[in-house]
Amino acid sequence: MEDQFKNKIILVVDDEERMARFIRLNLEHDGFQVVEAYRGMQAMQVFRDSLPDLVLLDVMLPDIDGFEVLGMLREISSVPVIMLTAKGEEDDRVKGLELGADDYITKPFSPRELVSRVRAVLRRVEPANSVSPDVIQVDEKLKLDFSKREIWFKNEIVKLRPTEYRLLYHLAKNAGWVLTYDQLLSRVWGYEYRDEPHYVRLYINYLRQKLEEDPSNPKYILTERGVGYRFVDFKRLT
């Protein structure tokens, strides 16, 4: 087993529960963590809750098809996506790749092919992940351990609500870059909240109360007035 992929989180989106279970058992046997969704919109919510490292996405879903889900994912994330199709038609494969999928697997497939494709895609994106590690030592006071979902401030674990955690995750993973209100709302709350910027301001305040020594003069979560927020570029901190 390749240790660098152990405990990576895989989101499986397939409306056939037997197929989802087959995929889960084989991936868990190889050391992955698996979360499941059986419909497109459910997949978007599970994605925001679990923040997976890779998505296995079936084309045929009962509410919206996999291509629509892929488009929605690509608006908010660069997470690697492997499309699952029972058709094996070239048009479906080409469409998925053009929309931003990283690979495809045609059903039926063997457990060995499944695991091999997942590892191959994760291996391709690993260099990009290396500049955005799962354990971030921001400075001597703040440590973000996304691999264990633990946030440490002044050597004590900070308890964050799920929405606070997701917000911090997206800010820290894009450290040094400004994330707009729309981007944060889409990634953390969902599309239906795009016209509710006060949610962002409220939860930024919650995070600052828990993670900033002086919330009125923040050091980590910085305001870009009229645009959005930026997590401090921790690589430049001395």
Protein backbone atom coordinates (compact mmCIF):
# COMPACT_ATOMS: atom_id res chain seq x y z
CA MET A 1 0.00 0.00 0.00
CA GLU A 2 1.23 3.45 -0.88
CA ASP A 3 1.31 5.34 2.39
CA GLN A 4 0.84 8.78 0.83
CA PHE A 5 -2.70 7.80 -0.20
CA LYS A 6 -3.76 6.13 3.06
CA ASN A 7 -6.90 7.72 4.53
CA LYS A 8 -7.48 9.91 1.49
CA ILE A 9 -11.21 10.67 1.30
CA ILE A 10 -13.06 9.49 -1.81
CA LEU A 11 -16.61 10.66 -2.57
CA VAL A 12 -18.56 8.03 -4.53
CA VAL A 13 -21.63 9.35 -6.36
CA ASP A 14 -23.76 6.55 -7.81
CA ASP A 15 -27.52 5.96 -7.55
CA GLU A 16 -27.04 2.17 -7.60
CA GLU A 17 -26.42 1.33 -3.95
CA ARG A 18 -24.96 -2.09 -4.83
CA MET A 19 -22.40 -0.43 -7.09
CA ALA A 20 -21.61 2.19 -4.44
CA ARG A 21 -21.09 -0.58 -1.88
CA PHE A 22 -18.83 -2.52 -4.28
CA ILE A 23 -16.69 0.58 -4.80
CA ARG A 24 -16.62 1.37 -1.08
CA LEU A 25 -15.48 -2.11 -0.06
CA ASN A 26 -12.63 -2.15 -2.57
CA LEU A 27 -11.40 1.34 -1.79
CA GLU A 28 -11.61 0.81 1.97
CA HIS A 29 -9.67 -2.44 1.55
CA ASP A 30 -6.90 -0.36 0.00
CA GLY A 31 -6.81 2.15 2.85
CA PHE A 32 -9.08 4.91 1.55
CA GLN A 33 -11.93 6.56 3.44
CA VAL A 34 -15.20 6.59 1.50
CA VAL A 35 -18.30 8.78 1.66
CA GLU A 36 -21.31 8.23 -0.57
CA ALA A 37 -24.07 10.14 -2.33
CA TYR A 38 -26.84 8.78 -4.53
CA ARG A 39 -28.11 11.97 -6.19
CA GLY A 40 -26.49 15.00 -7.73
CA MET A 41 -27.59 17.70 -5.33
CA GLN A 42 -26.93 15.39 -2.39
CA ALA A 43 -23.40 14.96 -3.78
CA MET A 44 -22.79 18.71 -3.61
CA GLN A 45 -23.79 18.79 0.06
CA VAL A 46 -21.69 15.75 0.92
CA PHE A 47 -18.79 17.35 -0.95
CA ARG A 48 -19.00 20.50 1.18
CA ASP A 49 -19.29 18.45 4.37
CA SER A 50 -16.51 15.94 3.73
CA LEU A 51 -14.03 17.90 1.54
CA PRO A 52 -12.90 14.78 -0.35
CA ASP A 53 -9.56 14.30 -2.09
CA LEU A 54 -11.18 12.73 -5.17
CA VAL A 55 -14.70 12.21 -6.57
CA LEU A 56 -15.94 9.13 -8.44
CA LEU A 57 -18.97 10.47 -10.31
CA ASP A 58 -21.54 8.42 -12.21
CA VAL A 59 -22.94 10.03 -15.36
CA MET A 60 -26.47 8.67 -14.86
CA LEU A 61 -28.14 10.15 -11.76
CA PRO A 62 -31.86 10.47 -11.01
CA ASP A 63 -32.10 14.23 -10.40
CA ILE A 64 -29.36 15.96 -12.39
CA ASP A 65 -26.80 14.13 -14.49
CA GLY A 66 -23.15 13.71 -13.64
CA PHE A 67 -22.08 16.31 -16.19
CA GLU A 68 -24.11 18.98 -14.38
CA VAL A 69 -22.59 17.92 -11.07
CA LEU A 70 -19.12 18.08 -12.64
CA GLY A 71 -19.81 21.62 -13.86
CA MET A 72 -20.94 22.68 -10.40
CA LEU A 73 -17.87 21.11 -8.81
CA ARG A 74 -15.55 22.85 -11.25
CA GLU A 75 -17.03 26.23 -10.33
CA ILE A 76 -15.94 25.81 -6.72
CA SER A 77 -13.07 23.30 -6.67
CA SER A 78 -10.22 21.70 -8.61
CA VAL A 79 -10.73 18.36 -6.82
CA PRO A 80 -9.88 15.46 -9.17
CA VAL A 81 -12.95 13.78 -10.68
CA ILE A 82 -13.22 10.38 -12.35
CA MET A 83 -16.42 9.85 -14.32
CA LEU A 84 -18.19 6.48 -14.19
CA THR A 85 -20.24 5.48 -17.24
CA ALA A 86 -22.10 2.32 -18.16
CA LYS A 87 -22.36 3.35 -21.80
CA GLY A 88 -18.74 3.30 -22.81
CA GLU A 89 -19.58 5.76 -25.58
CA GLU A 90 -16.83 8.00 -26.82
CA ASP A 91 -19.10 11.07 -26.76
CA ASP A 92 -19.64 10.70 -23.00
CA ARG A 93 -15.93 10.27 -22.37
CA VAL A 94 -15.00 13.29 -24.47
CA LYS A 95 -17.75 15.43 -22.91
CA GLY A 96 -16.59 14.60 -19.39
CA LEU A 97 -12.96 15.39 -20.16
CA GLU A 98 -13.91 18.65 -21.87
CA LEU A 99 -15.93 19.69 -18.81
CA GLY A 100 -12.93 19.17 -16.55
CA ALA A 101 -12.96 15.49 -15.54
CA ASP A 102 -9.53 14.00 -14.90
CA ASP A 103 -10.32 10.48 -16.10
CA TYR A 104 -13.16 8.05 -16.76
CA ILE A 105 -13.91 4.39 -16.05
CA THR A 106 -16.37 2.36 -18.10
CA LYS A 107 -18.66 -0.04 -16.24
CA PRO A 108 -18.22 -2.89 -15.57
CA PHE A 109 -14.72 -2.57 -14.16
CA SER A 110 -12.54 -4.73 -11.94
CA PRO A 111 -11.48 -3.77 -8.42
CA ARG A 112 -7.87 -3.66 -9.62
CA GLU A 113 -8.72 -1.20 -12.42
CA LEU A 114 -10.74 0.98 -10.03
CA VAL A 115 -7.98 1.28 -7.45
CA SER A 116 -5.32 1.70 -10.13
CA ARG A 117 -7.18 4.61 -11.77
CA VAL A 118 -7.83 6.31 -8.43
CA ARG A 119 -4.16 6.06 -7.46
CA ALA A 120 -3.01 7.24 -10.88
CA VAL A 121 -5.14 10.38 -10.72
CA LEU A 122 -4.12 11.14 -7.14
CA ARG A 123 -0.49 10.66 -8.15
CA ARG A 124 -0.90 13.18 -10.98
CA VAL A 125 -2.29 15.87 -8.68
CA GLU A 126 0.09 15.15 -5.80
CA PRO A 127 2.64 17.82 -6.85
CA ALA A 128 -0.08 20.46 -6.70
CA ASN A 129 -1.19 19.22 -3.30
CA SER A 130 2.36 19.41 -1.97
CA VAL A 131 2.25 23.20 -1.98
CA SER A 132 -0.97 23.11 0.03
CA PRO A 133 -0.31 20.52 2.75
CA ASP A 134 -2.86 18.90 5.03
CA VAL A 135 -0.88 20.03 8.11
CA ILE A 136 -0.18 23.76 8.17
CA GLN A 137 1.96 25.28 10.90
CA VAL A 138 0.95 28.89 10.38
CA ASP A 139 3.18 30.19 13.19
CA GLU A 140 4.13 29.25 16.74
CA LYS A 141 0.52 29.71 17.92
CA LEU A 142 -1.70 28.37 15.14
CA LYS A 143 -1.60 24.88 13.61
CA LEU A 144 -4.17 23.55 11.13
CA ASP A 145 -4.23 19.76 10.83
CA PHE A 146 -6.77 19.04 8.11
CA SER A 147 -5.73 15.37 7.95
CA LYS A 148 -7.14 14.90 11.46
CA ARG A 149 -9.69 17.74 11.30
CA GLU A 150 -7.94 19.35 14.28
CA ILE A 151 -7.29 23.07 14.74
CA TRP A 152 -4.75 24.06 17.40
CA PHE A 153 -4.37 27.54 18.88
CA LYS A 154 -1.94 28.19 21.73
CA ASN A 155 -1.45 24.42 22.16
CA GLU A 156 -5.16 23.76 22.68
CA ILE A 157 -7.66 22.21 20.29
CA VAL A 158 -10.23 24.72 19.08
CA LYS A 159 -13.74 23.36 18.63
CA LEU A 160 -15.19 24.53 15.33
CA ARG A 161 -18.67 23.97 14.03
CA PRO A 162 -18.83 22.24 10.61
CA THR A 163 -19.48 25.47 8.72
CA GLU A 164 -16.64 27.24 10.52
CA TYR A 165 -14.32 24.36 9.66
CA ARG A 166 -15.27 24.39 5.97
CA LEU A 167 -14.79 28.15 5.79
CA LEU A 168 -11.37 27.96 7.42
CA TYR A 169 -10.39 25.05 5.16
CA HIS A 170 -11.09 26.97 1.96
CA LEU A 171 -9.41 30.13 3.22
CA ALA A 172 -6.27 28.33 4.40
CA LYS A 173 -5.99 26.14 1.31
CA ASN A 174 -5.92 29.35 -0.74
CA ALA A 175 -3.59 31.24 1.61
CA GLY A 176 -2.36 34.49 0.14
CA TRP A 177 -5.22 34.68 -2.37
CA VAL A 178 -8.39 36.73 -2.04
CA LEU A 179 -11.61 34.71 -2.04
CA THR A 180 -14.68 36.75 -2.94
CA TYR A 181 -17.99 36.61 -1.11
CA ASP A 182 -19.50 34.65 -4.02
CA GLN A 183 -16.67 32.13 -4.02
CA LEU A 184 -16.93 31.52 -0.30
CA LEU A 185 -20.71 31.27 -0.36
CA SER A 186 -20.63 28.74 -3.21
CA ARG A 187 -17.90 26.60 -1.68
CA VAL A 188 -19.09 26.61 1.92
CA TRP A 189 -22.86 27.15 1.89
CA GLY A 190 -24.00 26.31 -1.63
CA TYR A 191 -25.42 28.10 -4.65
CA GLU A 192 -28.69 28.99 -2.98
CA TYR A 193 -26.82 31.32 -0.60
CA ARG A 194 -25.02 33.37 -3.25
CA ASP A 195 -27.01 36.50 -2.41
CA GLU A 196 -26.38 36.23 1.35
CA PRO A 197 -22.95 37.85 1.99
CA HIS A 198 -23.85 38.47 5.64
CA TYR A 199 -23.36 34.73 6.27
CA VAL A 200 -19.70 35.11 5.34
CA ARG A 201 -19.20 38.16 7.57
CA LEU A 202 -20.91 36.43 10.49
CA TYR A 203 -18.81 33.25 10.28
CA ILE A 204 -15.59 35.15 9.67
CA ASN A 205 -16.34 36.89 12.95
CA TYR A 206 -16.90 33.52 14.66
CA LEU A 207 -13.54 32.26 13.39
CA ARG A 208 -11.73 35.39 14.48
CA GLN A 209 -13.18 35.10 17.97
CA LYS A 210 -11.71 31.59 18.23
CA LEU A 211 -8.42 31.96 16.36
CA GLU A 212 -7.26 35.54 16.64
CA GLU A 213 -5.52 36.93 19.69
CA ASP A 214 -7.12 40.30 18.95
CA PRO A 215 -10.23 39.74 16.79
CA SER A 216 -10.57 43.48 16.13
CA ASN A 217 -7.06 43.51 14.67
CA PRO A 218 -6.83 40.12 12.91
CA LYS A 219 -3.51 38.57 11.99
CA TYR A 220 -4.65 35.46 10.12
CA ILE A 221 -8.00 36.16 8.44
CA LEU A 222 -7.71 39.46 6.62
CA THR A 223 -10.46 41.60 5.11
CA GLU A 224 -10.21 42.79 1.52
CA ARG A 225 -12.77 45.57 1.77
CA GLY A 226 -15.65 45.28 -0.67
CA VAL A 227 -14.25 42.08 -2.19
CA GLY A 228 -13.91 39.26 0.34
CA TYR A 229 -11.30 37.74 2.64
CA ARG A 230 -7.76 36.41 2.49
CA PHE A 231 -5.92 34.02 4.78
CA VAL A 232 -2.43 35.25 5.56
CA ASP A 233 0.32 33.82 3.38
CA PHE A 234 1.88 31.71 6.14
CA LYS A 235 4.94 30.89 4.02
CA ARG A 236 6.04 34.50 4.34
CA LEU A 237 5.59 34.70 8.08
CA THR A 238 8.82 34.77 10.03
